[in-house]
Amino acid sequence: MSNEQTDLQQLESFCFQFAEKFDDFNEDWVTMDRLSIELQQDIENEENFLKRNTFFETSDSLSVYLVSIRDYRLRATLAPFEYVKMISKE
């Protein structure tokens, strides 16, 4: 998985052409609960999942799910300012 801007633009273009659904979450922080819902599967050990995966791929009979994890914070640690600001608006 590349983080080069041109590669990301190409991936986004590919998703808009062929994906039924594409979401970059506006580059906002996303909870693991939300990620589990989007993936349509439970993530048993969230801490191990986050430590082991910067890129995650899974599929079911209808879809392929691709996730790129750029950064994460564990529960009971200091939340990023952007996340706190985002949830205070809700």
N, C-alpha and C. Protein backbone atom coordinates (compact mmCIF):
# COMPACT_ATOMS: atom_id res chain seq x y z
N MET A 1 0.85 -1.18 0.00
CA MET A 1 0.00 0.00 0.00
C MET A 1 0.88 1.22 0.00
N SER A 2 0.66 2.08 -0.95
CA SER A 2 1.45 3.29 -1.10
C SER A 2 0.70 4.49 -0.54
N ASN A 3 1.44 5.42 0.04
CA ASN A 3 0.84 6.67 0.50
C ASN A 3 1.21 7.83 -0.41
N GLU A 4 1.78 7.53 -1.57
CA GLU A 4 2.12 8.57 -2.53
C GLU A 4 0.83 9.23 -3.03
N GLN A 5 0.84 10.55 -3.16
CA GLN A 5 -0.35 11.29 -3.55
C GLN A 5 -0.93 10.80 -4.88
N THR A 6 -0.07 10.55 -5.87
CA THR A 6 -0.58 10.10 -7.18
C THR A 6 -1.23 8.72 -7.06
N ASP A 7 -0.67 7.85 -6.23
CA ASP A 7 -1.27 6.52 -6.04
C ASP A 7 -2.62 6.63 -5.35
N LEU A 8 -2.72 7.52 -4.37
CA LEU A 8 -3.98 7.71 -3.67
C LEU A 8 -5.04 8.30 -4.60
N GLN A 9 -4.65 9.21 -5.45
CA GLN A 9 -5.59 9.79 -6.42
C GLN A 9 -6.06 8.72 -7.40
N GLN A 10 -5.15 7.87 -7.84
CA GLN A 10 -5.52 6.80 -8.76
C GLN A 10 -6.47 5.81 -8.09
N LEU A 11 -6.20 5.48 -6.83
CA LEU A 11 -7.09 4.58 -6.09
C LEU A 11 -8.47 5.21 -5.93
N GLU A 12 -8.52 6.49 -5.58
CA GLU A 12 -9.80 7.18 -5.43
C GLU A 12 -10.57 7.18 -6.75
N SER A 13 -9.90 7.44 -7.84
CA SER A 13 -10.53 7.42 -9.16
C SER A 13 -11.10 6.04 -9.46
N PHE A 14 -10.32 5.00 -9.18
CA PHE A 14 -10.75 3.62 -9.39
C PHE A 14 -12.01 3.33 -8.55
N CYS A 15 -12.00 3.79 -7.31
CA CYS A 15 -13.15 3.54 -6.43
C CYS A 15 -14.41 4.23 -6.95
N PHE A 16 -14.28 5.48 -7.40
CA PHE A 16 -15.45 6.19 -7.92
C PHE A 16 -16.00 5.51 -9.17
N GLN A 17 -15.13 4.87 -9.95
CA GLN A 17 -15.58 4.20 -11.17
C GLN A 17 -16.26 2.86 -10.89
N PHE A 18 -15.70 2.10 -9.95
CA PHE A 18 -16.11 0.71 -9.81
C PHE A 18 -16.72 0.33 -8.47
N ALA A 19 -16.49 1.10 -7.44
CA ALA A 19 -16.96 0.72 -6.10
C ALA A 19 -18.43 1.07 -5.92
N GLU A 20 -19.13 0.21 -5.23
CA GLU A 20 -20.51 0.50 -4.86
C GLU A 20 -20.53 1.59 -3.80
N LYS A 21 -19.53 1.57 -2.94
CA LYS A 21 -19.42 2.57 -1.87
C LYS A 21 -17.95 2.86 -1.63
N PHE A 22 -17.64 4.13 -1.45
CA PHE A 22 -16.28 4.56 -1.15
C PHE A 22 -16.38 5.67 -0.11
N ASP A 23 -15.58 5.58 0.95
CA ASP A 23 -15.61 6.60 1.98
C ASP A 23 -14.20 6.81 2.52
N ASP A 24 -13.76 8.04 2.49
CA ASP A 24 -12.47 8.36 3.11
C ASP A 24 -12.69 9.05 4.45
N PHE A 25 -13.96 9.07 4.89
CA PHE A 25 -14.36 9.65 6.18
C PHE A 25 -13.89 11.10 6.32
N ASN A 26 -13.72 11.79 5.18
CA ASN A 26 -13.25 13.17 5.17
C ASN A 26 -11.94 13.32 5.94
N GLU A 27 -11.20 12.23 5.99
CA GLU A 27 -9.93 12.17 6.72
C GLU A 27 -10.09 12.49 8.20
N ASP A 28 -11.29 12.25 8.73
CA ASP A 28 -11.56 12.41 10.16
C ASP A 28 -11.23 11.12 10.90
N TRP A 29 -11.07 11.23 12.20
CA TRP A 29 -10.89 10.06 13.05
C TRP A 29 -12.20 9.28 13.08
N VAL A 30 -12.09 7.95 13.09
CA VAL A 30 -13.26 7.07 13.09
C VAL A 30 -13.12 6.09 14.24
N THR A 31 -14.23 5.84 14.94
CA THR A 31 -14.20 4.88 16.05
C THR A 31 -14.13 3.46 15.51
N MET A 32 -13.66 2.56 16.34
CA MET A 32 -13.62 1.14 15.95
C MET A 32 -15.04 0.60 15.78
N ASP A 33 -15.99 1.12 16.55
CA ASP A 33 -17.37 0.69 16.38
C ASP A 33 -17.86 1.01 14.98
N ARG A 34 -17.55 2.20 14.51
CA ARG A 34 -17.95 2.61 13.15
C ARG A 34 -17.24 1.74 12.11
N LEU A 35 -15.97 1.48 12.32
CA LEU A 35 -15.23 0.64 11.38
C LEU A 35 -15.82 -0.77 11.33
N SER A 36 -16.18 -1.32 12.47
CA SER A 36 -16.80 -2.65 12.51
C SER A 36 -18.10 -2.68 11.73
N ILE A 37 -18.88 -1.61 11.84
CA ILE A 37 -20.14 -1.52 11.11
C ILE A 37 -19.87 -1.47 9.61
N GLU A 38 -18.91 -0.65 9.21
CA GLU A 38 -18.59 -0.53 7.78
C GLU A 38 -18.06 -1.84 7.22
N LEU A 39 -17.26 -2.56 7.99
CA LEU A 39 -16.70 -3.84 7.54
C LEU A 39 -17.71 -4.98 7.66
N GLN A 40 -18.79 -4.73 8.38
CA GLN A 40 -19.81 -5.74 8.63
C GLN A 40 -19.24 -6.97 9.31
N GLN A 41 -18.32 -6.72 10.27
CA GLN A 41 -17.78 -7.82 11.07
C GLN A 41 -17.29 -7.26 12.39
N ASP A 42 -17.32 -8.12 13.40
CA ASP A 42 -16.80 -7.73 14.70
C ASP A 42 -15.29 -7.82 14.70
N ILE A 43 -14.67 -6.86 15.35
CA ILE A 43 -13.22 -6.89 15.54
C ILE A 43 -13.01 -7.26 17.00
N GLU A 44 -12.57 -8.48 17.23
CA GLU A 44 -12.49 -9.03 18.58
C GLU A 44 -11.51 -8.28 19.48
N ASN A 45 -10.26 -8.27 19.13
CA ASN A 45 -9.26 -7.62 19.96
C ASN A 45 -8.78 -6.37 19.25
N GLU A 46 -9.41 -5.25 19.55
CA GLU A 46 -9.15 -4.01 18.83
C GLU A 46 -7.69 -3.58 18.92
N GLU A 47 -7.10 -3.70 20.11
CA GLU A 47 -5.71 -3.27 20.28
C GLU A 47 -4.77 -4.09 19.40
N ASN A 48 -4.91 -5.40 19.40
CA ASN A 48 -4.07 -6.25 18.54
C ASN A 48 -4.32 -5.96 17.07
N PHE A 49 -5.59 -5.77 16.70
CA PHE A 49 -5.93 -5.46 15.32
C PHE A 49 -5.20 -4.20 14.87
N LEU A 50 -5.25 -3.15 15.67
CA LEU A 50 -4.62 -1.89 15.31
C LEU A 50 -3.10 -1.99 15.27
N LYS A 51 -2.53 -2.74 16.19
CA LYS A 51 -1.08 -2.88 16.22
C LYS A 51 -0.56 -3.70 15.04
N ARG A 52 -1.36 -4.65 14.55
CA ARG A 52 -0.92 -5.54 13.47
C ARG A 52 -1.23 -5.03 12.07
N ASN A 53 -2.18 -4.10 11.94
CA ASN A 53 -2.68 -3.74 10.62
C ASN A 53 -2.56 -2.25 10.33
N THR A 54 -1.85 -1.93 9.27
CA THR A 54 -1.94 -0.58 8.71
C THR A 54 -2.79 -0.64 7.45
N PHE A 55 -2.88 -1.82 6.89
CA PHE A 55 -3.76 -2.06 5.75
C PHE A 55 -4.50 -3.36 6.03
N PHE A 56 -5.81 -3.36 5.80
CA PHE A 56 -6.62 -4.53 6.09
C PHE A 56 -7.55 -4.78 4.91
N GLU A 57 -7.64 -6.03 4.52
CA GLU A 57 -8.51 -6.43 3.42
C GLU A 57 -9.32 -7.64 3.84
N THR A 58 -10.60 -7.60 3.57
CA THR A 58 -11.48 -8.73 3.84
C THR A 58 -12.56 -8.74 2.78
N SER A 59 -13.30 -9.82 2.67
CA SER A 59 -14.36 -9.89 1.68
C SER A 59 -15.47 -10.79 2.18
N ASP A 60 -16.61 -10.62 1.57
CA ASP A 60 -17.72 -11.55 1.77
C ASP A 60 -18.21 -11.96 0.38
N SER A 61 -19.36 -12.57 0.30
CA SER A 61 -19.82 -13.07 -1.00
C SER A 61 -20.16 -11.95 -1.99
N LEU A 62 -20.36 -10.73 -1.50
CA LEU A 62 -20.76 -9.64 -2.38
C LEU A 62 -19.72 -8.55 -2.56
N SER A 63 -18.84 -8.36 -1.58
CA SER A 63 -17.97 -7.18 -1.59
C SER A 63 -16.57 -7.49 -1.10
N VAL A 64 -15.67 -6.60 -1.48
CA VAL A 64 -14.31 -6.59 -0.95
C VAL A 64 -14.17 -5.29 -0.17
N TYR A 65 -13.59 -5.39 1.02
CA TYR A 65 -13.42 -4.22 1.89
C TYR A 65 -11.92 -3.96 2.06
N LEU A 66 -11.53 -2.74 1.78
CA LEU A 66 -10.13 -2.34 1.90
C LEU A 66 -10.06 -1.17 2.88
N VAL A 67 -9.17 -1.29 3.87
CA VAL A 67 -9.03 -0.26 4.90
C VAL A 67 -7.57 0.09 5.05
N SER A 68 -7.28 1.37 5.05
CA SER A 68 -5.94 1.86 5.33
C SER A 68 -5.99 2.63 6.65
N ILE A 69 -5.21 2.19 7.62
CA ILE A 69 -5.18 2.83 8.94
C ILE A 69 -3.92 3.67 9.01
N ARG A 70 -4.11 4.97 9.05
CA ARG A 70 -2.97 5.88 9.04
C ARG A 70 -2.44 6.17 10.44
N ASP A 71 -3.32 6.19 11.42
CA ASP A 71 -2.93 6.45 12.79
C ASP A 71 -4.05 5.96 13.68
N TYR A 72 -3.74 5.70 14.94
CA TYR A 72 -4.78 5.26 15.86
C TYR A 72 -4.41 5.66 17.28
N ARG A 73 -5.44 5.69 18.12
CA ARG A 73 -5.27 5.89 19.56
C ARG A 73 -6.09 4.82 20.24
N LEU A 74 -5.56 4.26 21.30
CA LEU A 74 -6.28 3.25 22.06
C LEU A 74 -7.20 3.92 23.07
N ARG A 75 -8.24 3.19 23.46
CA ARG A 75 -9.15 3.72 24.49
C ARG A 75 -8.32 4.01 25.75
N ALA A 76 -8.78 4.96 26.50
CA ALA A 76 -8.15 5.37 27.76
C ALA A 76 -6.81 6.06 27.55
N THR A 77 -6.56 6.51 26.32
CA THR A 77 -5.39 7.34 26.07
C THR A 77 -5.89 8.71 25.62
N LEU A 78 -5.02 9.65 25.56
CA LEU A 78 -5.38 11.00 25.16
C LEU A 78 -5.88 11.02 23.72
N ALA A 79 -7.08 11.54 23.53
CA ALA A 79 -7.67 11.60 22.20
C ALA A 79 -7.07 12.75 21.40
N PRO A 80 -6.96 12.60 20.09
CA PRO A 80 -6.47 13.69 19.26
C PRO A 80 -7.42 14.89 19.32
N PHE A 81 -6.88 16.07 19.28
CA PHE A 81 -7.67 17.29 19.34
C PHE A 81 -8.74 17.31 18.26
N GLU A 82 -8.39 16.90 17.04
CA GLU A 82 -9.34 16.92 15.93
C GLU A 82 -10.56 16.06 16.22
N TYR A 83 -10.35 14.91 16.87
CA TYR A 83 -11.44 14.01 17.21
C TYR A 83 -12.34 14.63 18.28
N VAL A 84 -11.73 15.20 19.30
CA VAL A 84 -12.50 15.82 20.38
C VAL A 84 -13.32 16.98 19.82
N LYS A 85 -12.72 17.76 18.96
CA LYS A 85 -13.42 18.88 18.34
C LYS A 85 -14.59 18.38 17.49
N MET A 86 -14.38 17.28 16.75
CA MET A 86 -15.41 16.73 15.89
C MET A 86 -16.60 16.21 16.71
N ILE A 87 -16.35 15.46 17.78
CA ILE A 87 -17.47 14.90 18.54
C ILE A 87 -18.17 15.95 19.38
N SER A 88 -17.49 17.04 19.71
CA SER A 88 -18.14 18.10 20.49
C SER A 88 -19.15 18.85 19.64
N LYS A 89 -19.04 18.78 18.32
CA LYS A 89 -19.98 19.43 17.40
C LYS A 89 -21.25 18.60 17.23
N GLU A 90 -21.21 17.31 17.53
CA GLU A 90 -22.36 16.43 17.30
C GLU A 90 -23.43 16.60 18.32
